[in-house]
């Protein structure tokens, strides 16, 4: 018998959400694809822990699982941000939250790369050269920002790059992550009296992020609970923007 692959999205989600996507797209005259289901905007998607694929063989069934690591990491970042607010003087939760947020954003765009290579025919897209090799090579060898730009310009060409402010904050988060992960011990920072020469990140702090007014180095001043909360909000905003514009692009195709 023919192997019949089926994509489920965890038992925590209702079939009604998937049925609604099919109805919406069919009403618009667009044949729905698996990518439309994966990238749908639905609050229940936050509960998704993995994708499962069921194969029906001759008298037996096998089940494969693909963890939704982007979702798990974003939920973890949200939990860290909430905990950071109960420890206002701690650096541990804010730095962990920033790193986990970027992990979630990279896992998300890697997930999109995985699905788009499998659904290109379904959504009528020709893929860029980097994705023609295979999605795993693309995920491993392509830089983080390049992945977003390449996939964004492929799937939502009219809407990528995102609005200026969202892009500026995205770039700030990337630069902050790179700075704390690959911290370069170049020289001492004068803290008393406070030096007029500030680290470049301090001058780019997004609105709503509070900095500690203490005579300490820039990481101690910048890694605050408000930074943790902001990083999660940015990740949610960017993923939501991507999904919204993908849906709009598909429905207008």
C-alpha atoms as a PDB file:
ATOM      1  CA  UNK A   1       0.000   0.000   0.000  1.00  0.00           C
ATOM      2  CA  UNK A   2       1.026   3.572  -0.614  1.00  0.00           C
ATOM      3  CA  UNK A   3       2.665   5.346   2.300  1.00  0.00           C
ATOM      4  CA  UNK A   4       0.399   8.186   3.398  1.00  0.00           C
ATOM      5  CA  UNK A   5       2.243  10.970   5.252  1.00  0.00           C
ATOM      6  CA  UNK A   6       0.098  13.177   7.468  1.00  0.00           C
ATOM      7  CA  UNK A   7       1.169  16.244   9.407  1.00  0.00           C
ATOM      8  CA  UNK A   8      -0.366  16.682  12.832  1.00  0.00           C
ATOM      9  CA  UNK A   9       0.356  19.555  15.174  1.00  0.00           C
ATOM     10  CA  UNK A  10       0.031  18.058  18.762  1.00  0.00           C
ATOM     11  CA  UNK A  11      -3.040  17.011  20.606  1.00  0.00           C
ATOM     12  CA  UNK A  12      -3.014  20.325  22.466  1.00  0.00           C
ATOM     13  CA  UNK A  13      -4.298  22.009  19.330  1.00  0.00           C
ATOM     14  CA  UNK A  14      -7.798  21.789  17.953  1.00  0.00           C
ATOM     15  CA  UNK A  15      -8.501  20.493  14.466  1.00  0.00           C
ATOM     16  CA  UNK A  16     -10.798  23.510  14.190  1.00  0.00           C
ATOM     17  CA  UNK A  17      -7.785  25.807  13.746  1.00  0.00           C
ATOM     18  CA  UNK A  18      -6.480  23.759  10.836  1.00  0.00           C
ATOM     19  CA  UNK A  19      -9.957  23.463   9.316  1.00  0.00           C
ATOM     20  CA  UNK A  20     -10.340  27.254   9.517  1.00  0.00           C
ATOM     21  CA  UNK A  21      -7.124  27.737   7.530  1.00  0.00           C
ATOM     22  CA  UNK A  22      -8.352  25.408   4.807  1.00  0.00           C
ATOM     23  CA  UNK A  23     -11.721  27.152   4.647  1.00  0.00           C
ATOM     24  CA  UNK A  24     -10.192  30.628   4.529  1.00  0.00           C
ATOM     25  CA  UNK A  25      -7.745  29.774   1.760  1.00  0.00           C
ATOM     26  CA  UNK A  26     -10.246  27.837  -0.307  1.00  0.00           C
ATOM     27  CA  UNK A  27     -12.707  30.743  -0.056  1.00  0.00           C
ATOM     28  CA  UNK A  28      -9.957  33.012  -1.414  1.00  0.00           C
ATOM     29  CA  UNK A  29      -9.374  30.586  -4.280  1.00  0.00           C
ATOM     30  CA  UNK A  30      -5.941  29.535  -2.984  1.00  0.00           C
ATOM     31  CA  UNK A  31      -5.079  25.881  -2.488  1.00  0.00           C
ATOM     32  CA  UNK A  32      -3.849  25.555   1.122  1.00  0.00           C
ATOM     33  CA  UNK A  33      -0.465  24.007   1.836  1.00  0.00           C
ATOM     34  CA  UNK A  34       1.252  22.462   4.827  1.00  0.00           C
ATOM     35  CA  UNK A  35       3.256  25.681   5.253  1.00  0.00           C
ATOM     36  CA  UNK A  36       0.012  27.647   5.628  1.00  0.00           C
ATOM     37  CA  UNK A  37      -0.899  25.386   8.535  1.00  0.00           C
ATOM     38  CA  UNK A  38       2.563  25.577  10.120  1.00  0.00           C
ATOM     39  CA  UNK A  39       2.675  29.397   9.934  1.00  0.00           C
ATOM     40  CA  UNK A  40      -0.900  30.071  10.976  1.00  0.00           C
ATOM     41  CA  UNK A  41      -1.650  32.690  13.607  1.00  0.00           C
ATOM     42  CA  UNK A  42      -3.437  30.848  16.383  1.00  0.00           C
ATOM     43  CA  UNK A  43      -3.041  31.197  20.140  1.00  0.00           C
ATOM     44  CA  UNK A  44      -3.163  27.417  20.460  1.00  0.00           C
ATOM     45  CA  UNK A  45       0.012  27.134  18.414  1.00  0.00           C
ATOM     46  CA  UNK A  46       1.900  28.317  21.516  1.00  0.00           C
ATOM     47  CA  UNK A  47       1.130  24.942  23.071  1.00  0.00           C
ATOM     48  CA  UNK A  48       2.717  23.029  20.188  1.00  0.00           C
ATOM     49  CA  UNK A  49       5.699  20.964  21.294  1.00  0.00           C
ATOM     50  CA  UNK A  50       6.314  18.995  18.116  1.00  0.00           C
ATOM     51  CA  UNK A  51       5.115  18.064  14.661  1.00  0.00           C
ATOM     52  CA  UNK A  52       4.299  14.397  14.127  1.00  0.00           C
ATOM     53  CA  UNK A  53       4.105  12.480  10.878  1.00  0.00           C
ATOM     54  CA  UNK A  54       2.222   9.215  10.636  1.00  0.00           C
ATOM     55  CA  UNK A  55       3.125   6.626   7.997  1.00  0.00           C
ATOM     56  CA  UNK A  56       0.609   3.897   7.221  1.00  0.00           C
ATOM     57  CA  UNK A  57       2.388   0.763   6.018  1.00  0.00           C
ATOM     58  CA  UNK A  58       1.126  -2.712   5.158  1.00  0.00           C
ATOM     59  CA  UNK A  59      -0.563  -3.650   8.418  1.00  0.00           C
ATOM     60  CA  UNK A  60       1.435  -1.385  10.712  1.00  0.00           C
ATOM     61  CA  UNK A  61       2.020   2.280  11.503  1.00  0.00           C
ATOM     62  CA  UNK A  62       5.187   4.271  12.216  1.00  0.00           C
ATOM     63  CA  UNK A  63       5.320   7.733  13.752  1.00  0.00           C
ATOM     64  CA  UNK A  64       8.040  10.384  13.301  1.00  0.00           C
ATOM     65  CA  UNK A  65       8.460  13.508  15.407  1.00  0.00           C
ATOM     66  CA  UNK A  66       9.991  16.892  14.660  1.00  0.00           C
ATOM     67  CA  UNK A  67      10.287  19.012  17.840  1.00  0.00           C
ATOM     68  CA  UNK A  68       9.026  22.579  17.604  1.00  0.00           C
ATOM     69  CA  UNK A  69      12.134  23.909  19.315  1.00  0.00           C
ATOM     70  CA  UNK A  70      11.358  27.527  18.384  1.00  0.00           C
ATOM     71  CA  UNK A  71       8.140  27.346  20.368  1.00  0.00           C
ATOM     72  CA  UNK A  72       9.753  25.656  23.352  1.00  0.00           C
ATOM     73  CA  UNK A  73      12.573  28.205  23.465  1.00  0.00           C
ATOM     74  CA  UNK A  74      10.214  31.171  23.198  1.00  0.00           C
ATOM     75  CA  UNK A  75       8.079  29.838  26.051  1.00  0.00           C
ATOM     76  CA  UNK A  76      11.295  29.366  28.058  1.00  0.00           C
ATOM     77  CA  UNK A  77      12.336  32.968  27.312  1.00  0.00           C
ATOM     78  CA  UNK A  78       8.934  34.227  28.478  1.00  0.00           C
ATOM     79  CA  UNK A  79       9.332  32.312  31.731  1.00  0.00           C
ATOM     80  CA  UNK A  80      12.828  33.759  32.249  1.00  0.00           C
ATOM     81  CA  UNK A  81      11.566  37.301  31.621  1.00  0.00           C
ATOM     82  CA  UNK A  82       8.827  36.839  34.217  1.00  0.00           C
ATOM     83  CA  UNK A  83      11.347  35.520  36.744  1.00  0.00           C
ATOM     84  CA  UNK A  84      13.751  38.381  36.011  1.00  0.00           C
ATOM     85  CA  UNK A  85      11.189  40.883  37.236  1.00  0.00           C
ATOM     86  CA  UNK A  86      11.215  39.234  40.656  1.00  0.00           C
ATOM     87  CA  UNK A  87      15.016  39.594  40.834  1.00  0.00           C
ATOM     88  CA  UNK A  88      15.624  43.206  39.740  1.00  0.00           C
ATOM     89  CA  UNK A  89      19.319  43.229  40.679  1.00  0.00           C
ATOM     90  CA  UNK A  90      20.214  39.942  38.999  1.00  0.00           C
ATOM     91  CA  UNK A  91      22.071  39.696  35.703  1.00  0.00           C
ATOM     92  CA  UNK A  92      21.539  35.966  35.302  1.00  0.00           C
ATOM     93  CA  UNK A  93      17.905  35.878  34.157  1.00  0.00           C
ATOM     94  CA  UNK A  94      18.196  38.856  31.746  1.00  0.00           C
ATOM     95  CA  UNK A  95      21.288  37.478  29.983  1.00  0.00           C
ATOM     96  CA  UNK A  96      19.744  33.998  29.792  1.00  0.00           C
ATOM     97  CA  UNK A  97      16.549  35.504  28.399  1.00  0.00           C
ATOM     98  CA  UNK A  98      18.378  37.457  25.680  1.00  0.00           C
ATOM     99  CA  UNK A  99      20.273  34.350  24.580  1.00  0.00           C
ATOM    100  CA  UNK A 100      17.174  32.138  24.659  1.00  0.00           C
ATOM    101  CA  UNK A 101      15.193  34.698  22.656  1.00  0.00           C
ATOM    102  CA  UNK A 102      17.778  34.664  19.862  1.00  0.00           C
ATOM    103  CA  UNK A 103      17.818  30.868  19.988  1.00  0.00           C
ATOM    104  CA  UNK A 104      14.046  30.893  19.456  1.00  0.00           C
ATOM    105  CA  UNK A 105      14.330  33.275  16.497  1.00  0.00           C
ATOM    106  CA  UNK A 106      17.008  31.150  14.859  1.00  0.00           C
ATOM    107  CA  UNK A 107      15.081  27.929  15.501  1.00  0.00           C
ATOM    108  CA  UNK A 108      11.996  29.568  13.957  1.00  0.00           C
ATOM    109  CA  UNK A 109      13.713  30.634  10.741  1.00  0.00           C
ATOM    110  CA  UNK A 110      15.421  27.213  10.520  1.00  0.00           C
ATOM    111  CA  UNK A 111      11.999  25.628  10.877  1.00  0.00           C
ATOM    112  CA  UNK A 112      10.644  27.810   8.059  1.00  0.00           C
ATOM    113  CA  UNK A 113      13.614  26.794   5.879  1.00  0.00           C
ATOM    114  CA  UNK A 114      12.839  23.135   6.559  1.00  0.00           C
ATOM    115  CA  UNK A 115       9.185  23.490   5.613  1.00  0.00           C
ATOM    116  CA  UNK A 116       9.599  25.798   2.641  1.00  0.00           C
ATOM    117  CA  UNK A 117      11.896  23.321   0.880  1.00  0.00           C
ATOM    118  CA  UNK A 118       9.216  20.669   1.309  1.00  0.00           C
ATOM    119  CA  UNK A 119       6.282  22.887   0.333  1.00  0.00           C
ATOM    120  CA  UNK A 120       7.769  24.952  -2.510  1.00  0.00           C
ATOM    121  CA  UNK A 121       5.582  23.264  -5.119  1.00  0.00           C
ATOM    122  CA  UNK A 122       2.502  23.651  -2.940  1.00  0.00           C
ATOM    123  CA  UNK A 123       2.939  27.413  -2.581  1.00  0.00           C
ATOM    124  CA  UNK A 124       4.258  28.042  -6.103  1.00  0.00           C
ATOM    125  CA  UNK A 125       7.656  29.430  -5.123  1.00  0.00           C
ATOM    126  CA  UNK A 126      10.973  29.047  -6.878  1.00  0.00           C
ATOM    127  CA  UNK A 127      13.664  28.779  -4.240  1.00  0.00           C
ATOM    128  CA  UNK A 128      16.905  30.784  -4.103  1.00  0.00           C
ATOM    129  CA  UNK A 129      20.122  28.938  -4.887  1.00  0.00           C
ATOM    130  CA  UNK A 130      21.116  28.590  -1.222  1.00  0.00           C
ATOM    131  CA  UNK A 131      17.985  26.556  -0.493  1.00  0.00           C
ATOM    132  CA  UNK A 132      18.227  24.388  -3.581  1.00  0.00           C
ATOM    133  CA  UNK A 133      21.051  22.332  -2.086  1.00  0.00           C
ATOM    134  CA  UNK A 134      19.137  21.123   0.971  1.00  0.00           C
ATOM    135  CA  UNK A 135      17.604  22.803   3.976  1.00  0.00           C
ATOM    136  CA  UNK A 136      20.058  21.331   6.490  1.00  0.00           C
ATOM    137  CA  UNK A 137      23.102  22.707   4.640  1.00  0.00           C
ATOM    138  CA  UNK A 138      21.344  26.071   4.438  1.00  0.00           C
ATOM    139  CA  UNK A 139      20.568  26.040   8.160  1.00  0.00           C
ATOM    140  CA  UNK A 140      24.122  25.083   9.131  1.00  0.00           C
ATOM    141  CA  UNK A 141      26.173  27.269   6.815  1.00  0.00           C
ATOM    142  CA  UNK A 142      24.097  30.427   6.402  1.00  0.00           C
ATOM    143  CA  UNK A 143      24.454  33.283   8.890  1.00  0.00           C
ATOM    144  CA  UNK A 144      21.522  34.131  11.130  1.00  0.00           C
ATOM    145  CA  UNK A 145      20.685  37.498   9.555  1.00  0.00           C
ATOM    146  CA  UNK A 146      21.157  36.127   6.041  1.00  0.00           C
ATOM    147  CA  UNK A 147      18.617  33.367   6.717  1.00  0.00           C
ATOM    148  CA  UNK A 148      15.963  35.892   7.704  1.00  0.00           C
ATOM    149  CA  UNK A 149      16.713  38.157   4.757  1.00  0.00           C
ATOM    150  CA  UNK A 150      16.766  35.358   2.200  1.00  0.00           C
ATOM    151  CA  UNK A 151      13.616  33.621   3.405  1.00  0.00           C
ATOM    152  CA  UNK A 152      11.830  36.910   4.054  1.00  0.00           C
ATOM    153  CA  UNK A 153      12.535  38.206   0.559  1.00  0.00           C
ATOM    154  CA  UNK A 154      11.427  34.840  -0.876  1.00  0.00           C
ATOM    155  CA  UNK A 155       8.155  34.332   1.005  1.00  0.00           C
ATOM    156  CA  UNK A 156       7.059  37.919   1.689  1.00  0.00           C
ATOM    157  CA  UNK A 157       8.916  40.020  -0.917  1.00  0.00           C
ATOM    158  CA  UNK A 158       6.570  43.019  -0.619  1.00  0.00           C
ATOM    159  CA  UNK A 159       7.003  43.171   3.154  1.00  0.00           C
ATOM    160  CA  UNK A 160      10.683  42.423   3.664  1.00  0.00           C
ATOM    161  CA  UNK A 161      12.723  43.962   5.175  1.00  0.00           C
ATOM    162  CA  UNK A 162      10.294  44.746   8.008  1.00  0.00           C
ATOM    163  CA  UNK A 163       9.441  48.308   9.118  1.00  0.00           C
ATOM    164  CA  UNK A 164      12.448  50.417  10.085  1.00  0.00           C
ATOM    165  CA  UNK A 165      11.891  50.375  13.852  1.00  0.00           C
ATOM    166  CA  UNK A 166      11.328  46.615  13.994  1.00  0.00           C
ATOM    167  CA  UNK A 167      14.432  46.042  11.903  1.00  0.00           C
ATOM    168  CA  UNK A 168      16.532  48.374  14.077  1.00  0.00           C
ATOM    169  CA  UNK A 169      15.487  46.532  17.222  1.00  0.00           C
ATOM    170  CA  UNK A 170      16.119  43.157  15.567  1.00  0.00           C
ATOM    171  CA  UNK A 171      19.633  44.273  14.594  1.00  0.00           C
ATOM    172  CA  UNK A 172      20.230  45.578  18.132  1.00  0.00           C
ATOM    173  CA  UNK A 173      19.259  42.219  19.632  1.00  0.00           C
ATOM    174  CA  UNK A 174      21.603  40.392  17.251  1.00  0.00           C
ATOM    175  CA  UNK A 175      24.483  42.736  18.069  1.00  0.00           C
ATOM    176  CA  UNK A 176      23.796  42.430  21.805  1.00  0.00           C
ATOM    177  CA  UNK A 177      23.768  38.640  21.601  1.00  0.00           C
ATOM    178  CA  UNK A 178      27.017  38.641  19.630  1.00  0.00           C
ATOM    179  CA  UNK A 179      28.630  40.989  22.135  1.00  0.00           C
ATOM    180  CA  UNK A 180      27.761  38.960  25.240  1.00  0.00           C
ATOM    181  CA  UNK A 181      28.420  35.567  23.619  1.00  0.00           C
ATOM    182  CA  UNK A 182      31.754  36.504  22.019  1.00  0.00           C
ATOM    183  CA  UNK A 183      32.758  38.988  24.707  1.00  0.00           C
ATOM    184  CA  UNK A 184      36.128  40.522  23.867  1.00  0.00           C
ATOM    185  CA  UNK A 185      38.313  41.464  26.826  1.00  0.00           C
ATOM    186  CA  UNK A 186      39.985  44.439  25.195  1.00  0.00           C
ATOM    187  CA  UNK A 187      40.433  46.957  28.003  1.00  0.00           C
ATOM    188  CA  UNK A 188      39.102  48.167  31.305  1.00  0.00           C
ATOM    189  CA  UNK A 189      36.040  50.419  31.249  1.00  0.00           C
ATOM    190  CA  UNK A 190      36.268  53.544  33.408  1.00  0.00           C
ATOM    191  CA  UNK A 191      33.317  53.533  35.803  1.00  0.00           C
ATOM    192  CA  UNK A 192      34.287  56.181  38.391  1.00  0.00           C
ATOM    193  CA  UNK A 193      33.812  58.891  37.399  1.00  0.00           C
ATOM    194  CA  UNK A 194      31.565  57.697  34.591  1.00  0.00           C
ATOM    195  CA  UNK A 195      33.384  57.944  31.306  1.00  0.00           C
ATOM    196  CA  UNK A 196      31.914  60.083  28.536  1.00  0.00           C
ATOM    197  CA  UNK A 197      32.990  57.352  26.168  1.00  0.00           C
ATOM    198  CA  UNK A 198      30.155  54.811  26.249  1.00  0.00           C
ATOM    199  CA  UNK A 199      29.855  51.391  24.673  1.00  0.00           C
ATOM    200  CA  UNK A 200      28.089  51.612  21.289  1.00  0.00           C
ATOM    201  CA  UNK A 201      25.182  49.450  22.485  1.00  0.00           C
ATOM    202  CA  UNK A 202      24.325  51.922  25.246  1.00  0.00           C
ATOM    203  CA  UNK A 203      23.637  54.569  22.618  1.00  0.00           C
ATOM    204  CA  UNK A 204      21.220  52.253  20.775  1.00  0.00           C
ATOM    205  CA  UNK A 205      19.034  51.159  23.676  1.00  0.00           C
ATOM    206  CA  UNK A 206      15.430  50.592  22.490  1.00  0.00           C
ATOM    207  CA  UNK A 207      12.590  52.574  24.004  1.00  0.00           C
ATOM    208  CA  UNK A 208      11.256  51.037  27.205  1.00  0.00           C
ATOM    209  CA  UNK A 209      14.531  49.400  28.239  1.00  0.00           C
ATOM    210  CA  UNK A 210      15.766  50.713  31.561  1.00  0.00           C
ATOM    211  CA  UNK A 211      19.469  50.911  32.360  1.00  0.00           C
ATOM    212  CA  UNK A 212      20.818  50.696  35.897  1.00  0.00           C
ATOM    213  CA  UNK A 213      22.280  53.980  37.105  1.00  0.00           C
ATOM    214  CA  UNK A 214      25.233  52.389  38.894  1.00  0.00           C
ATOM    215  CA  UNK A 215      29.026  52.732  38.610  1.00  0.00           C
ATOM    216  CA  UNK A 216      29.522  49.403  36.877  1.00  0.00           C
ATOM    217  CA  UNK A 217      30.516  48.148  33.437  1.00  0.00           C
ATOM    218  CA  UNK A 218      27.988  48.311  30.597  1.00  0.00           C
ATOM    219  CA  UNK A 219      26.741  44.682  30.910  1.00  0.00           C
ATOM    220  CA  UNK A 220      25.797  45.260  34.567  1.00  0.00           C
ATOM    221  CA  UNK A 221      23.928  48.401  33.575  1.00  0.00           C
ATOM    222  CA  UNK A 222      22.192  47.046  30.481  1.00  0.00           C
ATOM    223  CA  UNK A 223      21.193  43.505  31.516  1.00  0.00           C
ATOM    224  CA  UNK A 224      17.985  44.421  33.334  1.00  0.00           C
ATOM    225  CA  UNK A 225      14.514  42.868  33.713  1.00  0.00           C
ATOM    226  CA  UNK A 226      13.121  45.413  31.239  1.00  0.00           C
ATOM    227  CA  UNK A 227      15.689  44.270  28.657  1.00  0.00           C
ATOM    228  CA  UNK A 228      14.556  40.662  29.197  1.00  0.00           C
ATOM    229  CA  UNK A 229      10.898  41.619  28.690  1.00  0.00           C
ATOM    230  CA  UNK A 230      11.747  43.714  25.640  1.00  0.00           C
ATOM    231  CA  UNK A 231      13.681  40.885  23.980  1.00  0.00           C
ATOM    232  CA  UNK A 232      10.708  38.528  24.298  1.00  0.00           C
ATOM    233  CA  UNK A 233       8.313  41.170  22.975  1.00  0.00           C
ATOM    234  CA  UNK A 234      10.573  41.770  19.989  1.00  0.00           C
ATOM    235  CA  UNK A 235      10.740  38.047  19.167  1.00  0.00           C
ATOM    236  CA  UNK A 236       6.954  37.734  19.377  1.00  0.00           C
ATOM    237  CA  UNK A 237       6.493  40.884  17.258  1.00  0.00           C
ATOM    238  CA  UNK A 238       8.910  39.679  14.577  1.00  0.00           C
ATOM    239  CA  UNK A 239       7.434  36.180  14.321  1.00  0.00           C
ATOM    240  CA  UNK A 240       3.899  37.612  14.302  1.00  0.00           C
ATOM    241  CA  UNK A 241       4.852  40.109  11.587  1.00  0.00           C
ATOM    242  CA  UNK A 242       6.358  37.327   9.474  1.00  0.00           C
ATOM    243  CA  UNK A 243       3.284  35.114   9.848  1.00  0.00           C
ATOM    244  CA  UNK A 244       0.838  37.955   9.162  1.00  0.00           C
ATOM    245  CA  UNK A 245       2.640  39.050   6.009  1.00  0.00           C
ATOM    246  CA  UNK A 246       3.051  35.463   4.833  1.00  0.00           C
ATOM    247  CA  UNK A 247      -0.709  34.973   5.157  1.00  0.00           C
ATOM    248  CA  UNK A 248      -1.413  38.250   3.344  1.00  0.00           C
ATOM    249  CA  UNK A 249       0.999  37.307   0.550  1.00  0.00           C
ATOM    250  CA  UNK A 250      -0.534  33.874   0.117  1.00  0.00           C
ATOM    251  CA  UNK A 251      -4.134  35.104   0.117  1.00  0.00           C
ATOM    252  CA  UNK A 252      -3.309  37.713  -2.534  1.00  0.00           C
ATOM    253  CA  UNK A 253      -1.425  35.267  -4.772  1.00  0.00           C
END
